[in-house]
Protein backbone atom coordinates (compact mmCIF):
# COMPACT_ATOMS: atom_id res chain seq x y z
CA UNK A 1 -60.02 5.52 25.15
CA UNK A 2 -60.73 6.92 21.75
CA UNK A 3 -59.68 10.22 22.83
CA UNK A 4 -56.25 9.11 23.94
CA UNK A 5 -55.89 7.12 20.76
CA UNK A 6 -56.46 10.38 18.76
CA UNK A 7 -54.14 12.33 20.94
CA UNK A 8 -51.29 9.68 20.51
CA UNK A 9 -51.88 9.60 16.62
CA UNK A 10 -51.66 13.46 16.43
CA UNK A 11 -48.54 13.53 18.63
CA UNK A 12 -47.14 10.80 16.30
CA UNK A 13 -47.95 12.67 12.97
CA UNK A 14 -46.45 15.96 14.50
CA UNK A 15 -43.15 14.14 15.50
CA UNK A 16 -42.99 12.46 11.99
CA UNK A 17 -43.46 15.86 10.14
CA UNK A 18 -41.11 17.62 12.54
CA UNK A 19 -38.22 15.09 12.70
CA UNK A 20 -38.57 13.44 9.39
CA UNK A 21 -39.51 16.28 7.06
CA UNK A 22 -39.00 19.75 8.71
CA UNK A 23 -35.84 19.20 10.60
CA UNK A 24 -33.94 17.34 7.73
CA UNK A 25 -35.24 19.94 5.19
CA UNK A 26 -33.89 22.83 7.44
CA UNK A 27 -30.58 21.06 7.86
CA UNK A 28 -30.34 20.32 3.98
CA UNK A 29 -31.05 24.16 3.23
CA UNK A 30 -28.50 25.34 5.65
CA UNK A 31 -25.95 22.95 4.24
CA UNK A 32 -26.67 23.81 0.73
CA UNK A 33 -26.32 27.51 1.42
CA UNK A 34 -23.66 28.06 3.90
CA UNK A 35 -21.59 24.86 3.57
CA UNK A 36 -22.33 23.49 0.02
CA UNK A 37 -18.89 21.89 -0.35
CA UNK A 38 -18.88 20.03 2.89
CA UNK A 39 -22.44 19.04 2.42
CA UNK A 40 -21.89 17.58 -1.04
CA UNK A 41 -19.07 15.26 0.05
CA UNK A 42 -16.13 17.57 -0.16
CA UNK A 43 -15.73 16.71 -3.80
CA UNK A 44 -12.63 17.80 -5.77
CA UNK A 45 -12.40 18.29 -9.62
CA UNK A 46 -9.55 17.98 -11.92
CA UNK A 47 -8.12 20.39 -14.29
CA UNK A 48 -10.92 19.55 -16.95
CA UNK A 49 -13.68 20.14 -14.27
CA UNK A 50 -14.34 16.29 -13.95
CA UNK A 51 -14.89 15.14 -10.44
CA UNK A 52 -11.79 13.16 -9.17
CA UNK A 53 -12.80 12.23 -5.69
CA UNK A 54 -13.38 13.32 -2.14
CA UNK A 55 -10.67 15.23 -0.28
CA UNK A 56 -11.97 13.09 2.75
CA UNK A 57 -11.34 9.71 1.46
CA UNK A 58 -7.92 8.62 0.37
CA UNK A 59 -7.22 6.88 -3.00
CA UNK A 60 -4.41 5.01 -4.62
CA UNK A 61 -1.80 6.60 -6.66
CA UNK A 62 0.78 4.56 -8.35
CA UNK A 63 2.80 6.67 -10.65
CA UNK A 64 6.14 7.89 -9.40
CA UNK A 65 4.94 11.61 -10.40
CA UNK A 66 2.58 11.47 -7.53
CA UNK A 67 2.67 11.60 -3.83
CA UNK A 68 1.28 8.33 -2.35
CA UNK A 69 -1.07 8.15 0.76
CA UNK A 70 -0.74 5.88 3.66
CA UNK A 71 -1.23 2.29 3.36
CA UNK A 72 -4.93 1.08 3.53
CA UNK A 73 -6.23 -1.95 5.28
CA UNK A 74 -9.35 -1.43 3.39
CA UNK A 75 -7.76 -1.20 -0.11
CA UNK A 76 -9.01 2.48 -0.20
CA UNK A 77 -12.69 1.25 -0.42
CA UNK A 78 -14.96 3.76 0.98
CA UNK A 79 -17.59 1.28 1.65
CA UNK A 80 -15.32 -1.14 3.63
CA UNK A 81 -13.68 1.14 6.06
CA UNK A 82 -11.38 -0.71 8.52
CA UNK A 83 -8.15 -0.62 10.33
CA UNK A 84 -5.50 -3.46 10.38
CA UNK A 85 -6.25 -3.79 14.09
CA UNK A 86 -2.76 -5.39 14.47
CA UNK A 87 -0.79 -4.82 17.78
CA UNK A 88 2.82 -3.69 17.82
CA UNK A 89 3.82 -7.29 19.24
CA UNK A 90 1.83 -8.95 16.25
CA UNK A 91 4.29 -10.69 14.04
CA UNK A 92 1.95 -9.77 10.93
CA UNK A 93 2.45 -6.11 11.62
CA UNK A 94 6.30 -6.38 11.67
CA UNK A 95 6.30 -8.36 8.25
CA UNK A 96 3.96 -5.87 6.67
CA UNK A 97 6.05 -2.86 7.79
CA UNK A 98 9.28 -4.69 6.74
CA UNK A 99 7.67 -5.08 3.26
CA UNK A 100 6.79 -1.46 2.92
CA UNK A 101 10.41 -0.43 4.05
CA UNK A 102 12.34 -2.44 1.42
CA UNK A 103 11.81 -0.38 -1.63
CA UNK A 104 12.05 3.07 0.13
CA UNK A 105 14.67 3.13 2.92
CA UNK A 106 17.84 4.97 2.15
CA UNK A 107 21.27 4.74 3.66
CA UNK A 108 21.94 7.47 6.32
CA UNK A 109 25.66 7.66 6.06
CA UNK A 110 28.87 6.69 4.45
CA UNK A 111 29.52 6.57 0.52
CA UNK A 112 25.81 5.70 -0.31
CA UNK A 113 24.26 8.17 2.04
CA UNK A 114 20.92 9.17 0.59
CA UNK A 115 20.75 6.07 -1.89
CA UNK A 116 18.11 3.48 -1.77
CA UNK A 117 19.08 0.24 -0.31
CA UNK A 118 16.85 -1.76 -2.66
CA UNK A 119 19.59 -2.53 -5.36
CA UNK A 120 21.86 -3.85 -2.47
CA UNK A 121 19.19 -6.18 -1.02
CA UNK A 122 18.92 -7.69 -4.53
CA UNK A 123 22.68 -8.25 -4.68
CA UNK A 124 22.89 -9.73 -1.39
CA UNK A 125 19.79 -11.91 -2.25
CA UNK A 126 21.48 -13.19 -5.34
CA UNK A 127 24.37 -14.67 -3.01
CA UNK A 128 21.67 -17.27 -1.82
CA UNK A 129 23.13 -17.02 1.68
CA UNK A 130 21.71 -15.96 4.90
CA UNK A 131 23.61 -15.84 8.34
CA UNK A 132 26.03 -18.30 6.88
CA UNK A 133 23.66 -20.89 5.40
CA UNK A 134 22.41 -21.44 1.67
CA UNK A 135 18.94 -21.47 0.23
CA UNK A 136 17.59 -18.10 1.29
CA UNK A 137 14.17 -18.60 -0.15
CA UNK A 138 13.73 -21.83 1.83
CA UNK A 139 14.80 -20.03 4.96
CA UNK A 140 12.49 -17.18 4.24
CA UNK A 141 9.52 -19.59 3.94
CA UNK A 142 10.62 -21.36 7.13
CA UNK A 143 10.84 -18.11 9.17
CA UNK A 144 7.94 -16.47 7.70
CA UNK A 145 5.28 -18.95 7.26
CA UNK A 146 2.53 -16.39 7.11
CA UNK A 147 4.05 -14.34 4.15
CA UNK A 148 4.75 -17.56 2.14
CA UNK A 149 1.14 -18.51 2.40
CA UNK A 150 0.12 -14.89 1.72
CA UNK A 151 2.09 -14.85 -1.43
CA UNK A 152 0.32 -17.93 -2.62
CA UNK A 153 -3.11 -16.47 -1.85
CA UNK A 154 -2.33 -12.94 -3.07
CA UNK A 155 -3.07 -13.73 -6.84
CA UNK A 156 -4.71 -16.67 -8.70
CA UNK A 157 -1.83 -17.09 -10.91
CA UNK A 158 0.57 -17.86 -7.80
CA UNK A 159 -1.84 -20.50 -6.72
CA UNK A 160 -2.01 -22.09 -10.31
CA UNK A 161 1.83 -22.20 -10.43
CA UNK A 162 1.92 -24.11 -7.36
CA UNK A 163 -0.68 -26.41 -8.35
CA UNK A 164 1.29 -26.85 -11.90
CA UNK A 165 4.44 -27.54 -9.60
CA UNK A 166 2.59 -30.24 -7.55
CA UNK A 167 1.48 -32.01 -10.67
CA UNK A 168 5.15 -32.23 -11.79
CA UNK A 169 6.46 -33.29 -8.47
CA UNK A 170 4.07 -36.19 -7.29
CA UNK A 171 6.62 -37.83 -5.17
CA UNK A 172 7.13 -34.65 -2.95
CA UNK A 173 3.45 -34.18 -2.62
CA UNK A 174 2.86 -37.69 -1.73
CA UNK A 175 5.64 -37.37 1.21
CA UNK A 176 3.78 -34.15 2.13
CA UNK A 177 0.44 -35.79 2.58
CA UNK A 178 2.16 -38.88 4.54
CA UNK A 179 3.55 -36.37 6.92
CA UNK A 180 0.13 -34.62 7.03
CA UNK A 181 -2.43 -37.18 7.05
CA UNK A 182 -5.21 -35.03 8.07
CA UNK A 183 -5.09 -33.20 4.80
CA UNK A 184 -5.05 -35.73 2.03
CA UNK A 185 -6.06 -33.17 -0.83
CA UNK A 186 -3.71 -30.39 -0.18
CA UNK A 187 -4.54 -26.89 -1.59
CA UNK A 188 -1.93 -24.54 -2.79
CA UNK A 189 -1.62 -22.73 0.48
CA UNK A 190 -0.96 -25.92 2.17
CA UNK A 191 2.08 -26.68 0.09
CA UNK A 192 3.45 -23.23 0.02
CA UNK A 193 6.31 -23.96 2.58
CA UNK A 194 7.40 -27.27 1.01
CA UNK A 195 7.17 -25.54 -2.53
CA UNK A 196 9.55 -22.68 -1.54
CA UNK A 197 11.86 -25.13 0.18
CA UNK A 198 12.26 -27.14 -3.14
CA UNK A 199 12.27 -24.05 -5.37
CA UNK A 200 15.19 -22.73 -3.40
CA UNK A 201 17.26 -25.69 -4.06
CA UNK A 202 16.19 -25.78 -7.75
CA UNK A 203 16.69 -22.05 -8.40
CA UNK A 204 19.09 -20.57 -6.08
CA UNK A 205 19.20 -16.83 -5.81
CA UNK A 206 15.87 -16.36 -7.39
CA UNK A 207 12.33 -15.89 -6.36
CA UNK A 208 9.06 -16.60 -8.18
CA UNK A 209 7.49 -13.50 -9.54
CA UNK A 210 5.13 -12.62 -12.27
CA UNK A 211 6.78 -11.57 -15.49
CA UNK A 212 5.02 -10.07 -18.50
CA UNK A 213 5.68 -11.22 -21.97
CA UNK A 214 3.96 -10.60 -25.43
CA UNK A 215 2.08 -13.74 -26.58
CA UNK A 216 1.93 -15.13 -30.06
CA UNK A 217 -1.07 -12.88 -30.59
CA UNK A 218 0.85 -9.65 -29.32
CA UNK A 219 -1.18 -9.24 -26.32
CA UNK A 220 0.70 -9.19 -23.10
CA UNK A 221 0.78 -12.49 -20.95
CA UNK A 222 1.92 -12.95 -17.43
CA UNK A 223 3.93 -15.97 -16.18
CA UNK A 224 5.49 -16.92 -13.06
CA UNK A 225 9.31 -17.33 -13.44
CA UNK A 226 12.39 -17.12 -11.31
CA UNK A 227 13.66 -13.48 -11.06
CA UNK A 228 16.92 -12.08 -9.39
CA UNK A 229 15.61 -8.58 -9.08
CA UNK A 230 12.26 -6.68 -8.43
CA UNK A 231 9.82 -5.63 -5.83
CA UNK A 232 9.12 -9.06 -4.56
CA UNK A 233 12.60 -9.49 -3.41
CA UNK A 234 12.95 -5.74 -2.12
CA UNK A 235 9.91 -6.31 -0.04
CA UNK A 236 10.17 -10.06 1.10
CA UNK A 237 13.69 -9.92 2.10
CA UNK A 238 14.30 -6.57 3.81
CA UNK A 239 13.93 -8.05 7.09
CA UNK A 240 16.46 -10.68 6.52
CA UNK A 241 18.73 -8.42 4.96
CA UNK A 242 18.65 -6.10 8.01
CA UNK A 243 19.52 -8.89 10.29
CA UNK A 244 22.38 -9.73 8.16
CA UNK A 245 23.39 -6.08 8.15
CA UNK A 246 22.41 -4.75 11.84
CA UNK A 247 25.15 -2.19 11.85
CA UNK A 248 24.34 -0.36 8.59
CA UNK A 249 22.86 3.08 9.38
CA UNK A 250 19.51 3.75 7.54
CA UNK A 251 17.41 6.95 7.42
CA UNK A 252 14.33 7.09 9.78
CA UNK A 253 11.12 6.67 7.97
CA UNK A 254 8.01 8.57 8.69
CA UNK A 255 5.67 6.20 10.64
CA UNK A 256 2.58 7.01 8.42
CA UNK A 257 4.41 5.88 5.39
CA UNK A 258 4.30 2.30 6.64
CA UNK A 259 1.08 2.06 8.97
CA UNK A 260 -2.36 2.21 8.14
CA UNK A 261 -4.73 4.71 9.84
CA UNK A 262 -7.88 3.69 11.91
CA UNK A 263 -10.20 4.00 8.95
CA UNK A 264 -7.81 2.84 6.17
CA UNK A 265 -8.94 5.95 4.34
CA UNK A 266 -7.12 8.78 5.94
CA UNK A 267 -6.68 11.43 3.10
CA UNK A 268 -3.78 13.26 4.81
CA UNK A 269 -0.03 12.39 5.11
CA UNK A 270 2.45 14.27 7.52
CA UNK A 271 4.61 16.90 5.63
CA UNK A 272 7.60 14.88 6.87
CA UNK A 273 6.20 11.89 4.87
CA UNK A 274 5.62 13.99 1.84
CA UNK A 275 9.07 15.57 1.98
CA UNK A 276 10.51 12.13 2.19
CA UNK A 277 8.80 11.21 -1.18
CA UNK A 278 9.73 14.51 -2.56
CA UNK A 279 13.09 13.29 -4.32
CA UNK A 280 11.08 10.60 -6.09
CA UNK A 281 8.32 12.87 -7.19
CA UNK A 282 10.51 15.74 -8.45
CA UNK A 283 12.90 13.51 -10.23
CA UNK A 284 10.13 11.80 -12.38
CA UNK A 285 8.60 15.22 -13.20
CA UNK A 286 12.05 16.65 -14.08
CA UNK A 287 12.51 13.73 -16.61
CA UNK A 288 9.06 13.81 -17.99
CA UNK A 289 9.26 17.62 -18.63
CA UNK A 290 13.18 17.67 -19.40
CA UNK A 291 13.40 20.26 -16.58
CA UNK A 292 16.29 20.86 -14.28
CA UNK A 293 15.58 18.53 -11.07
CA UNK A 294 16.75 21.22 -8.45
CA UNK A 295 14.36 23.83 -9.94
CA UNK A 296 11.62 21.28 -10.19
CA UNK A 297 12.16 20.03 -6.71
CA UNK A 298 12.02 23.72 -5.22
CA UNK A 299 8.70 24.13 -7.24
CA UNK A 300 7.24 20.95 -5.75
CA UNK A 301 8.43 21.77 -2.35
CA UNK A 302 6.71 25.19 -2.47
CA UNK A 303 3.32 23.19 -3.47
CA UNK A 304 3.89 21.32 -0.36
CA UNK A 305 4.40 24.37 2.03
CA UNK A 306 1.44 26.06 0.28
CA UNK A 307 -0.81 23.01 0.98
CA UNK A 308 0.42 22.20 4.37
CA UNK A 309 -1.57 23.03 7.70
CA UNK A 310 -1.53 21.89 11.34
CA UNK A 311 -4.60 21.25 13.61
CA UNK A 312 -6.63 24.00 15.18
CA UNK A 313 -6.06 26.41 12.27
CA UNK A 314 -2.36 25.59 12.20
CA UNK A 315 -1.44 26.68 15.98
CA UNK A 316 -0.46 23.29 17.00
CA UNK A 317 0.62 19.74 16.24
CA UNK A 318 2.12 17.95 13.13
CA UNK A 319 1.80 19.56 9.76
CA UNK A 320 -0.29 17.58 7.22
CA UNK A 321 -1.14 17.70 3.45
CA UNK A 322 -4.08 16.23 1.78
CA UNK A 323 -2.52 13.89 -0.82
CA UNK A 324 -5.42 14.43 -3.65
CA UNK A 325 -5.14 18.13 -3.47
CA UNK A 326 -1.32 18.13 -3.81
CA UNK A 327 -1.45 15.77 -6.57
CA UNK A 328 -4.00 17.95 -8.29
CA UNK A 329 -1.82 20.96 -7.78
CA UNK A 330 1.09 18.84 -9.60
CA UNK A 331 -1.40 18.11 -12.45
CA UNK A 332 -2.32 22.10 -12.57
CA UNK A 333 1.27 23.12 -12.71
CA UNK A 334 2.80 20.48 -14.96
CA UNK A 335 -0.24 18.64 -16.83
CA UNK A 336 -0.77 15.04 -16.74
CA UNK A 337 2.23 12.70 -16.27
CA UNK A 338 3.50 10.84 -19.32
């Protein structure tokens, strides 16, 4: 028995040394000598030599001077990788895609070919009429309950705005409680639909959106106010605008501009996606640098071509570009945006 125990302990010791010490050390040595870039996270540095991120993990870019990555269900958080897991038949997917489309879709023909439809969505919205009926915001809330509730929960200032509205309209809230006795103390999200219905009647052709003002102390303060233009209108009402204008020809949008990847962290976008963003990026750099836009566009287009590649060494499939690498190339050529 003692002999068997000794043999088992010896075997355990050998396995621990080999599997937990020698094998990892060998892999570490090979990685650090033959593949140091990949072994250390594929980290990229900026113009000043500081680390700016990994080429394997997407990160958000909000300035118009930069190309933007795919939408992320994980908010680009490397520790929370996840997909949206929404089927093509899911209403939430349709709503989310429509919100992405509003600010970026362009006309495909006619006198406005190549122009953004966003300004026309705003003008149509201000008429406060959808398919022949008034109170467009009320109709939006009734048709898209999930989006209305999501607007309330998207920011604490939205919920507080509705709570303040509820205090100022006790009769409306009392009627809602009477109609929904199972919820005697409704939260802001519970009152979302009735709020938008009454807001639409009181503020036709407007939508509640955050507006920044300078306070008495000179510091910026955000308040929810009725607005007639802005991203909230462009995103939330694209789908309804489209249904009111079914025959208008619009440009096709690359699918990866409006859909998330399986991980939510995909660092690459298709070359087609990048080219679609090219006009915006080149126009903003041309303004910043006071350069000719056509020349700037050609320079950035060359950056895209130089940094694009397809799978299997470029021999097949769709061409992709790494968003972080391309944006670093822009910084290298033009400096930091203003």
